[in-house]
Amino acid sequence: MPAYLIYALAALAEIAGCFAFWAWLKLDKSALWLVPGMASLALFAWLLTLIDSEAAGRAYAAYGGVYIAASLIWLWLAEGVKPDRWDLTGMTVALIGSAIILAGPR
């Protein structure tokens, strides 16, 4: 599976898991939201182990830009808040940074 697909799936799993905790603590949802939230976070961690990298930190660093982009997509689609130009500029910078980390000669 290509790294970008693994990262995209990991971002979805992480955001969904974190949102479950957000819903419980901030939106007064049932504590039962934590069960799928924890499963989703475990899936996220497992997915990152599929990244072909010599060091975990490098895999996590490259993932950071993808997470930022996925979070802004979540903001727009799930929360109905359209990202502004500063969000999009920051996302672009983060994705460029991720690309440099992934494509750098080693």
N, C-alpha and C. Protein backbone atom coordinates (compact mmCIF):
# COMPACT_ATOMS: atom_id res chain seq x y z
N MET A 1 0.86 -1.18 0.00
CA MET A 1 0.00 0.00 0.00
C MET A 1 0.91 1.24 0.00
N PRO A 2 0.65 2.20 -0.88
CA PRO A 2 1.48 3.40 -0.95
C PRO A 2 1.40 4.23 0.35
N ALA A 3 2.50 4.91 0.66
CA ALA A 3 2.59 5.70 1.90
C ALA A 3 1.46 6.73 1.99
N TYR A 4 1.15 7.41 0.90
CA TYR A 4 0.12 8.45 0.98
C TYR A 4 -1.24 7.86 1.34
N LEU A 5 -1.54 6.65 0.90
CA LEU A 5 -2.80 6.01 1.25
C LEU A 5 -2.80 5.60 2.72
N ILE A 6 -1.69 5.06 3.18
CA ILE A 6 -1.57 4.69 4.60
C ILE A 6 -1.74 5.93 5.46
N TYR A 7 -1.07 7.01 5.08
CA TYR A 7 -1.18 8.25 5.85
C TYR A 7 -2.61 8.79 5.84
N ALA A 8 -3.28 8.72 4.72
CA ALA A 8 -4.66 9.21 4.65
C ALA A 8 -5.58 8.38 5.55
N LEU A 9 -5.42 7.07 5.52
CA LEU A 9 -6.23 6.20 6.38
C LEU A 9 -5.89 6.43 7.85
N ALA A 10 -4.61 6.61 8.14
CA ALA A 10 -4.19 6.87 9.52
C ALA A 10 -4.79 8.18 10.03
N ALA A 11 -4.78 9.19 9.17
CA ALA A 11 -5.35 10.49 9.56
C ALA A 11 -6.84 10.36 9.86
N LEU A 12 -7.55 9.66 9.02
CA LEU A 12 -8.99 9.46 9.25
C LEU A 12 -9.21 8.73 10.58
N ALA A 13 -8.42 7.68 10.83
CA ALA A 13 -8.57 6.93 12.08
C ALA A 13 -8.23 7.80 13.29
N GLU A 14 -7.17 8.58 13.19
CA GLU A 14 -6.78 9.42 14.33
C GLU A 14 -7.81 10.51 14.60
N ILE A 15 -8.26 11.16 13.56
CA ILE A 15 -9.23 12.24 13.74
C ILE A 15 -10.55 11.69 14.29
N ALA A 16 -10.99 10.57 13.76
CA ALA A 16 -12.24 9.96 14.26
C ALA A 16 -12.09 9.56 15.73
N GLY A 17 -10.94 8.98 16.08
CA GLY A 17 -10.72 8.60 17.47
C GLY A 17 -10.67 9.79 18.40
N CYS A 18 -9.96 10.81 17.99
CA CYS A 18 -9.87 12.02 18.81
C CYS A 18 -11.23 12.72 18.91
N PHE A 19 -11.99 12.69 17.82
CA PHE A 19 -13.31 13.33 17.86
C PHE A 19 -14.23 12.61 18.83
N ALA A 20 -14.09 11.29 18.95
CA ALA A 20 -14.91 10.55 19.91
C ALA A 20 -14.67 11.08 21.33
N PHE A 21 -13.41 11.34 21.66
CA PHE A 21 -13.10 11.91 22.98
C PHE A 21 -13.64 13.33 23.09
N TRP A 22 -13.50 14.10 22.02
CA TRP A 22 -14.02 15.47 21.99
C TRP A 22 -15.53 15.45 22.23
N ALA A 23 -16.22 14.55 21.53
CA ALA A 23 -17.68 14.46 21.67
C ALA A 23 -18.07 14.12 23.11
N TRP A 24 -17.33 13.20 23.73
CA TRP A 24 -17.63 12.81 25.11
C TRP A 24 -17.39 13.97 26.07
N LEU A 25 -16.24 14.63 25.94
CA LEU A 25 -15.87 15.67 26.90
C LEU A 25 -16.47 17.04 26.62
N LYS A 26 -16.62 17.38 25.35
CA LYS A 26 -17.05 18.74 25.01
C LYS A 26 -18.50 18.83 24.54
N LEU A 27 -19.01 17.72 24.02
CA LEU A 27 -20.38 17.75 23.47
C LEU A 27 -21.36 16.95 24.33
N ASP A 28 -20.90 16.53 25.50
CA ASP A 28 -21.74 15.78 26.45
C ASP A 28 -22.34 14.51 25.87
N LYS A 29 -21.58 13.82 25.03
CA LYS A 29 -22.03 12.53 24.50
C LYS A 29 -21.72 11.45 25.53
N SER A 30 -22.31 10.30 25.35
CA SER A 30 -22.12 9.17 26.25
C SER A 30 -20.65 8.71 26.27
N ALA A 31 -20.23 8.16 27.40
CA ALA A 31 -18.89 7.61 27.51
C ALA A 31 -18.71 6.42 26.57
N LEU A 32 -19.80 5.87 26.07
CA LEU A 32 -19.71 4.78 25.10
C LEU A 32 -19.01 5.22 23.81
N TRP A 33 -18.96 6.52 23.56
CA TRP A 33 -18.24 7.04 22.40
C TRP A 33 -16.75 6.68 22.49
N LEU A 34 -16.27 6.42 23.70
CA LEU A 34 -14.85 6.12 23.88
C LEU A 34 -14.47 4.76 23.33
N VAL A 35 -15.40 3.83 23.25
CA VAL A 35 -15.08 2.49 22.76
C VAL A 35 -14.65 2.54 21.29
N PRO A 36 -15.47 3.07 20.39
CA PRO A 36 -14.97 3.17 19.01
C PRO A 36 -13.81 4.16 18.89
N GLY A 37 -13.78 5.16 19.76
CA GLY A 37 -12.68 6.12 19.74
C GLY A 37 -11.34 5.44 20.01
N MET A 38 -11.31 4.58 21.02
CA MET A 38 -10.06 3.88 21.34
C MET A 38 -9.68 2.88 20.26
N ALA A 39 -10.69 2.22 19.69
CA ALA A 39 -10.41 1.28 18.58
C ALA A 39 -9.84 2.03 17.38
N SER A 40 -10.39 3.20 17.11
CA SER A 40 -9.92 4.00 16.00
C SER A 40 -8.49 4.48 16.23
N LEU A 41 -8.17 4.85 17.44
CA LEU A 41 -6.80 5.29 17.75
C LEU A 41 -5.82 4.12 17.67
N ALA A 42 -6.26 2.93 18.05
CA ALA A 42 -5.39 1.75 17.91
C ALA A 42 -5.15 1.46 16.43
N LEU A 43 -6.18 1.59 15.61
CA LEU A 43 -6.04 1.40 14.17
C LEU A 43 -5.05 2.41 13.60
N PHE A 44 -5.16 3.65 14.04
CA PHE A 44 -4.24 4.70 13.61
C PHE A 44 -2.79 4.31 13.90
N ALA A 45 -2.53 3.87 15.13
CA ALA A 45 -1.16 3.49 15.52
C ALA A 45 -0.65 2.32 14.68
N TRP A 46 -1.51 1.35 14.46
CA TRP A 46 -1.11 0.19 13.64
C TRP A 46 -0.80 0.61 12.21
N LEU A 47 -1.63 1.47 11.64
CA LEU A 47 -1.42 1.91 10.27
C LEU A 47 -0.05 2.58 10.11
N LEU A 48 0.35 3.38 11.08
CA LEU A 48 1.65 4.06 10.96
C LEU A 48 2.80 3.07 10.99
N THR A 49 2.61 1.89 11.58
CA THR A 49 3.68 0.89 11.56
C THR A 49 3.88 0.30 10.17
N LEU A 50 2.92 0.52 9.27
CA LEU A 50 3.04 0.00 7.90
C LEU A 50 3.91 0.87 7.01
N ILE A 51 4.25 2.06 7.47
CA ILE A 51 5.09 2.97 6.70
C ILE A 51 6.51 2.41 6.62
N ASP A 52 7.04 2.36 5.42
CA ASP A 52 8.40 1.87 5.21
C ASP A 52 9.38 2.98 5.56
N SER A 53 9.90 2.92 6.78
CA SER A 53 10.84 3.94 7.25
C SER A 53 11.81 3.28 8.22
N GLU A 54 13.04 3.77 8.20
CA GLU A 54 14.06 3.25 9.11
C GLU A 54 13.84 3.74 10.53
N ALA A 55 13.12 4.84 10.69
CA ALA A 55 12.92 5.44 12.01
C ALA A 55 11.47 5.87 12.19
N ALA A 56 10.92 5.56 13.34
CA ALA A 56 9.53 5.92 13.62
C ALA A 56 9.33 7.43 13.56
N GLY A 57 10.28 8.17 14.12
CA GLY A 57 10.14 9.63 14.15
C GLY A 57 10.01 10.25 12.78
N ARG A 58 10.73 9.69 11.80
CA ARG A 58 10.64 10.21 10.44
C ARG A 58 9.26 9.92 9.85
N ALA A 59 8.74 8.74 10.10
CA ALA A 59 7.40 8.39 9.61
C ALA A 59 6.36 9.31 10.24
N TYR A 60 6.51 9.59 11.54
CA TYR A 60 5.55 10.47 12.22
C TYR A 60 5.67 11.90 11.73
N ALA A 61 6.89 12.35 11.49
CA ALA A 61 7.10 13.72 11.01
C ALA A 61 6.46 13.93 9.65
N ALA A 62 6.66 12.98 8.75
CA ALA A 62 6.06 13.09 7.42
C ALA A 62 4.54 13.04 7.51
N TYR A 63 4.04 12.26 8.44
CA TYR A 63 2.60 12.14 8.64
C TYR A 63 1.97 13.47 9.09
N GLY A 64 2.74 14.28 9.78
CA GLY A 64 2.21 15.53 10.33
C GLY A 64 1.50 16.41 9.31
N GLY A 65 2.08 16.57 8.14
CA GLY A 65 1.46 17.41 7.12
C GLY A 65 0.14 16.82 6.62
N VAL A 66 0.12 15.51 6.48
CA VAL A 66 -1.11 14.84 6.05
C VAL A 66 -2.19 15.01 7.11
N TYR A 67 -1.80 14.90 8.38
CA TYR A 67 -2.75 15.08 9.48
C TYR A 67 -3.35 16.49 9.45
N ILE A 68 -2.52 17.48 9.21
CA ILE A 68 -3.02 18.86 9.16
C ILE A 68 -4.03 19.01 8.03
N ALA A 69 -3.71 18.49 6.86
CA ALA A 69 -4.64 18.58 5.73
C ALA A 69 -5.94 17.85 6.04
N ALA A 70 -5.84 16.65 6.59
CA ALA A 70 -7.04 15.87 6.91
C ALA A 70 -7.87 16.57 7.98
N SER A 71 -7.23 17.21 8.93
CA SER A 71 -7.95 17.93 9.98
C SER A 71 -8.75 19.09 9.40
N LEU A 72 -8.17 19.77 8.43
CA LEU A 72 -8.89 20.88 7.81
C LEU A 72 -10.03 20.39 6.93
N ILE A 73 -9.86 19.24 6.31
CA ILE A 73 -10.96 18.63 5.56
C ILE A 73 -12.08 18.24 6.52
N TRP A 74 -11.72 17.68 7.67
CA TRP A 74 -12.69 17.32 8.71
C TRP A 74 -13.42 18.58 9.18
N LEU A 75 -12.66 19.65 9.42
CA LEU A 75 -13.24 20.92 9.85
C LEU A 75 -14.35 21.35 8.90
N TRP A 76 -14.07 21.22 7.60
CA TRP A 76 -15.01 21.66 6.58
C TRP A 76 -16.19 20.70 6.44
N LEU A 77 -15.90 19.41 6.26
CA LEU A 77 -16.96 18.45 5.96
C LEU A 77 -17.76 18.01 7.19
N ALA A 78 -17.10 17.78 8.30
CA ALA A 78 -17.80 17.27 9.48
C ALA A 78 -18.34 18.37 10.38
N GLU A 79 -17.61 19.50 10.43
CA GLU A 79 -18.02 20.56 11.34
C GLU A 79 -18.65 21.75 10.63
N GLY A 80 -18.61 21.76 9.31
CA GLY A 80 -19.25 22.82 8.55
C GLY A 80 -18.55 24.16 8.61
N VAL A 81 -17.26 24.17 8.95
CA VAL A 81 -16.49 25.42 9.02
C VAL A 81 -15.49 25.41 7.87
N LYS A 82 -15.65 26.36 6.97
CA LYS A 82 -14.76 26.42 5.81
C LYS A 82 -13.39 26.96 6.22
N PRO A 83 -12.31 26.22 5.88
CA PRO A 83 -10.97 26.71 6.19
C PRO A 83 -10.72 28.06 5.52
N ASP A 84 -10.03 28.95 6.24
CA ASP A 84 -9.72 30.25 5.66
C ASP A 84 -8.35 30.21 4.97
N ARG A 85 -7.93 31.32 4.43
CA ARG A 85 -6.68 31.35 3.67
C ARG A 85 -5.48 31.03 4.54
N TRP A 86 -5.53 31.36 5.83
CA TRP A 86 -4.41 31.06 6.72
C TRP A 86 -4.34 29.56 7.00
N ASP A 87 -5.51 28.94 7.14
CA ASP A 87 -5.54 27.48 7.29
C ASP A 87 -4.92 26.81 6.06
N LEU A 88 -5.34 27.27 4.89
CA LEU A 88 -4.86 26.66 3.65
C LEU A 88 -3.38 26.93 3.40
N THR A 89 -2.92 28.12 3.79
CA THR A 89 -1.50 28.42 3.64
C THR A 89 -0.67 27.52 4.57
N GLY A 90 -1.10 27.40 5.81
CA GLY A 90 -0.40 26.54 6.75
C GLY A 90 -0.40 25.09 6.30
N MET A 91 -1.53 24.63 5.77
CA MET A 91 -1.62 23.27 5.26
C MET A 91 -0.64 23.05 4.12
N THR A 92 -0.55 24.01 3.22
CA THR A 92 0.36 23.90 2.08
C THR A 92 1.81 23.80 2.54
N VAL A 93 2.19 24.65 3.49
CA VAL A 93 3.55 24.61 4.02
C VAL A 93 3.82 23.25 4.67
N ALA A 94 2.86 22.75 5.44
CA ALA A 94 3.04 21.46 6.11
C ALA A 94 3.16 20.32 5.10
N LEU A 95 2.36 20.34 4.05
CA LEU A 95 2.43 19.29 3.04
C LEU A 95 3.75 19.34 2.27
N ILE A 96 4.25 20.54 2.02
CA ILE A 96 5.56 20.66 1.37
C ILE A 96 6.63 20.06 2.29
N GLY A 97 6.54 20.36 3.58
CA GLY A 97 7.48 19.78 4.52
C GLY A 97 7.41 18.27 4.56
N SER A 98 6.21 17.73 4.53
CA SER A 98 6.05 16.27 4.50
C SER A 98 6.66 15.67 3.23
N ALA A 99 6.44 16.32 2.12
CA ALA A 99 6.98 15.83 0.85
C ALA A 99 8.52 15.83 0.87
N ILE A 100 9.10 16.86 1.46
CA ILE A 100 10.56 16.93 1.57
C ILE A 100 11.07 15.77 2.42
N ILE A 101 10.41 15.50 3.53
CA ILE A 101 10.82 14.41 4.40
C ILE A 101 10.70 13.08 3.68
N LEU A 102 9.58 12.86 2.99
CA LEU A 102 9.36 11.59 2.31
C LEU A 102 10.29 11.38 1.12
N ALA A 103 10.54 12.45 0.36
CA ALA A 103 11.30 12.30 -0.90
C ALA A 103 12.79 12.54 -0.74
N GLY A 104 13.21 12.96 0.44
CA GLY A 104 14.63 13.25 0.63
C GLY A 104 15.52 12.03 0.38
N PRO A 105 16.66 12.25 -0.27
CA PRO A 105 17.56 11.11 -0.53
C PRO A 105 18.18 10.60 0.77
N ARG A 106 18.14 9.31 0.93
CA ARG A 106 18.72 8.69 2.14
C ARG A 106 19.62 7.57 1.73
